[in-house]
C-alpha atoms as a PDB file:
ATOM      1  CA  ILE A   1       0.246 -31.582 -32.149  1.00  0.00           C
ATOM      2  CA  LYS A   2      -1.734 -28.712 -33.333  1.00  0.00           C
ATOM      3  CA  GLN A   3      -4.190 -29.354 -30.760  1.00  0.00           C
ATOM      4  CA  GLU A   4      -1.314 -29.310 -28.052  1.00  0.00           C
ATOM      5  CA  LEU A   5       0.077 -26.322 -29.431  1.00  0.00           C
ATOM      6  CA  GLN A   6      -3.273 -24.504 -29.238  1.00  0.00           C
ATOM      7  CA  ARG A   7      -3.834 -25.730 -25.657  1.00  0.00           C
ATOM      8  CA  THR A   8      -0.276 -24.610 -24.771  1.00  0.00           C
ATOM      9  CA  ASN A   9      -0.955 -21.210 -26.081  1.00  0.00           C
ATOM     10  CA  ASP A  10      -4.373 -21.025 -24.432  1.00  0.00           C
ATOM     11  CA  GLN A  11      -2.783 -21.772 -21.117  1.00  0.00           C
ATOM     12  CA  LEU A  12      -0.123 -19.184 -21.490  1.00  0.00           C
ATOM     13  CA  GLU A  13      -2.698 -16.387 -22.582  1.00  0.00           C
ATOM     14  CA  GLU A  14      -4.721 -17.118 -19.488  1.00  0.00           C
ATOM     15  CA  ALA A  15      -1.525 -17.247 -17.669  1.00  0.00           C
ATOM     16  CA  GLU A  16      -0.435 -13.774 -18.946  1.00  0.00           C
ATOM     17  CA  GLU A  17      -4.075 -12.333 -18.282  1.00  0.00           C
ATOM     18  CA  ARG A  18      -3.667 -13.912 -14.579  1.00  0.00           C
ATOM     19  CA  ILE A  19      -0.284 -11.984 -14.251  1.00  0.00           C
ATOM     20  CA  GLU A  20      -1.533  -8.874 -15.772  1.00  0.00           C
ATOM     21  CA  GLU A  21      -4.352  -8.893 -13.040  1.00  0.00           C
ATOM     22  CA  VAL A  22      -1.851  -9.347 -10.184  1.00  0.00           C
ATOM     23  CA  GLU A  23       0.475  -6.896 -11.255  1.00  0.00           C
ATOM     24  CA  THR A  24      -2.559  -4.454 -11.302  1.00  0.00           C
ATOM     25  CA  ALA A  25      -3.534  -5.328  -7.720  1.00  0.00           C
ATOM     26  CA  LEU A  26      -0.267  -5.020  -6.773  1.00  0.00           C
ATOM     27  CA  GLN A  27       0.298  -1.582  -8.090  1.00  0.00           C
ATOM     28  CA  ALA A  28      -2.673  -0.460  -6.406  1.00  0.00           C
ATOM     29  CA  ALA A  29      -1.710  -1.934  -3.142  1.00  0.00           C
ATOM     30  CA  ALA A  30       1.482  -0.298  -3.336  1.00  0.00           C
ATOM     31  CA  SER A  31       0.065   2.973  -3.951  1.00  0.00           C
ATOM     32  CA  MET A  32      -2.422   2.702  -0.780  1.00  0.00           C
ATOM     33  CA  ILE A  33       0.560   1.562   1.411  1.00  0.00           C
ATOM     34  CA  LYS A  34       2.397   4.741   0.190  1.00  0.00           C
ATOM     35  CA  ARG A  35      -0.743   6.838   0.953  1.00  0.00           C
ATOM     36  CA  LEU A  36      -1.047   4.994   4.537  1.00  0.00           C
ATOM     37  CA  THR A  37       2.457   5.342   5.315  1.00  0.00           C
ATOM     38  CA  GLN A  38       2.472   9.194   4.411  1.00  0.00           C
ATOM     39  CA  ARG A  39      -0.665   9.368   6.532  1.00  0.00           C
ATOM     40  CA  GLN A  40       0.429   7.677   9.469  1.00  0.00           C
ATOM     41  CA  ALA A  41       3.924   9.900   9.694  1.00  0.00           C
ATOM     42  CA  GLU A  42       1.608  12.986   9.646  1.00  0.00           C
ATOM     43  CA  MET A  43      -0.480  11.546  12.720  1.00  0.00           C
ATOM     44  CA  GLU A  44       2.714  10.616  14.486  1.00  0.00           C
ATOM     45  CA  ALA A  45       3.833  14.477  13.981  1.00  0.00           C
ATOM     46  CA  LYS A  46       0.400  15.875  14.900  1.00  0.00           C
ATOM     47  CA  LEU A  47       0.454  13.495  18.201  1.00  0.00           C
ATOM     48  CA  LEU A  48       4.245  14.371  19.282  1.00  0.00           C
ATOM     49  CA  ASP A  49       2.836  18.253  18.755  1.00  0.00           C
ATOM     50  CA  GLN A  50      -0.121  17.471  20.788  1.00  0.00           C
ATOM     51  CA  GLU A  51       1.693  15.762  23.437  1.00  0.00           C
ATOM     52  CA  GLY A  52       4.399  18.743  23.766  1.00  0.00           C
ATOM     53  CA  HIS A  53       1.396  21.011  23.920  1.00  0.00           C
ATOM     54  CA  ALA A  54       0.116  18.963  26.706  1.00  0.00           C
ATOM     55  CA  ARG A  55       3.325  18.625  28.665  1.00  0.00           C
ATOM     56  CA  ARG A  56       3.590  22.551  28.625  1.00  0.00           C
ATOM     57  CA  ASP A  57       0.158  23.285  29.640  1.00  0.00           C
ATOM     58  CA  ASN A  58       0.939  21.035  32.824  1.00  0.00           C
ATOM     59  CA  ILE A  59       3.866  23.093  33.880  1.00  0.00           C
ATOM     60  CA  TRP A  60       3.210  25.072  36.974  1.00  0.00           C
ATOM     61  CA  VAL A  61       5.445  27.810  38.286  1.00  0.00           C
ATOM     62  CA  PHE A  62       5.110  28.826  42.068  1.00  0.00           C
END
């Protein structure tokens, strides 16, 4: 019984370590997604501004 208990404890420790690693990776991924989402919003705003300038530059007055 002691051996089974020790084996179960070892498995539990290994599972906890794996969970910790996954949580760390998840936090890193969430942080990266947040930064990329912000960057995408900045780039979309810049693109809209550039498109507006391009349209204004193409207006001809007769």
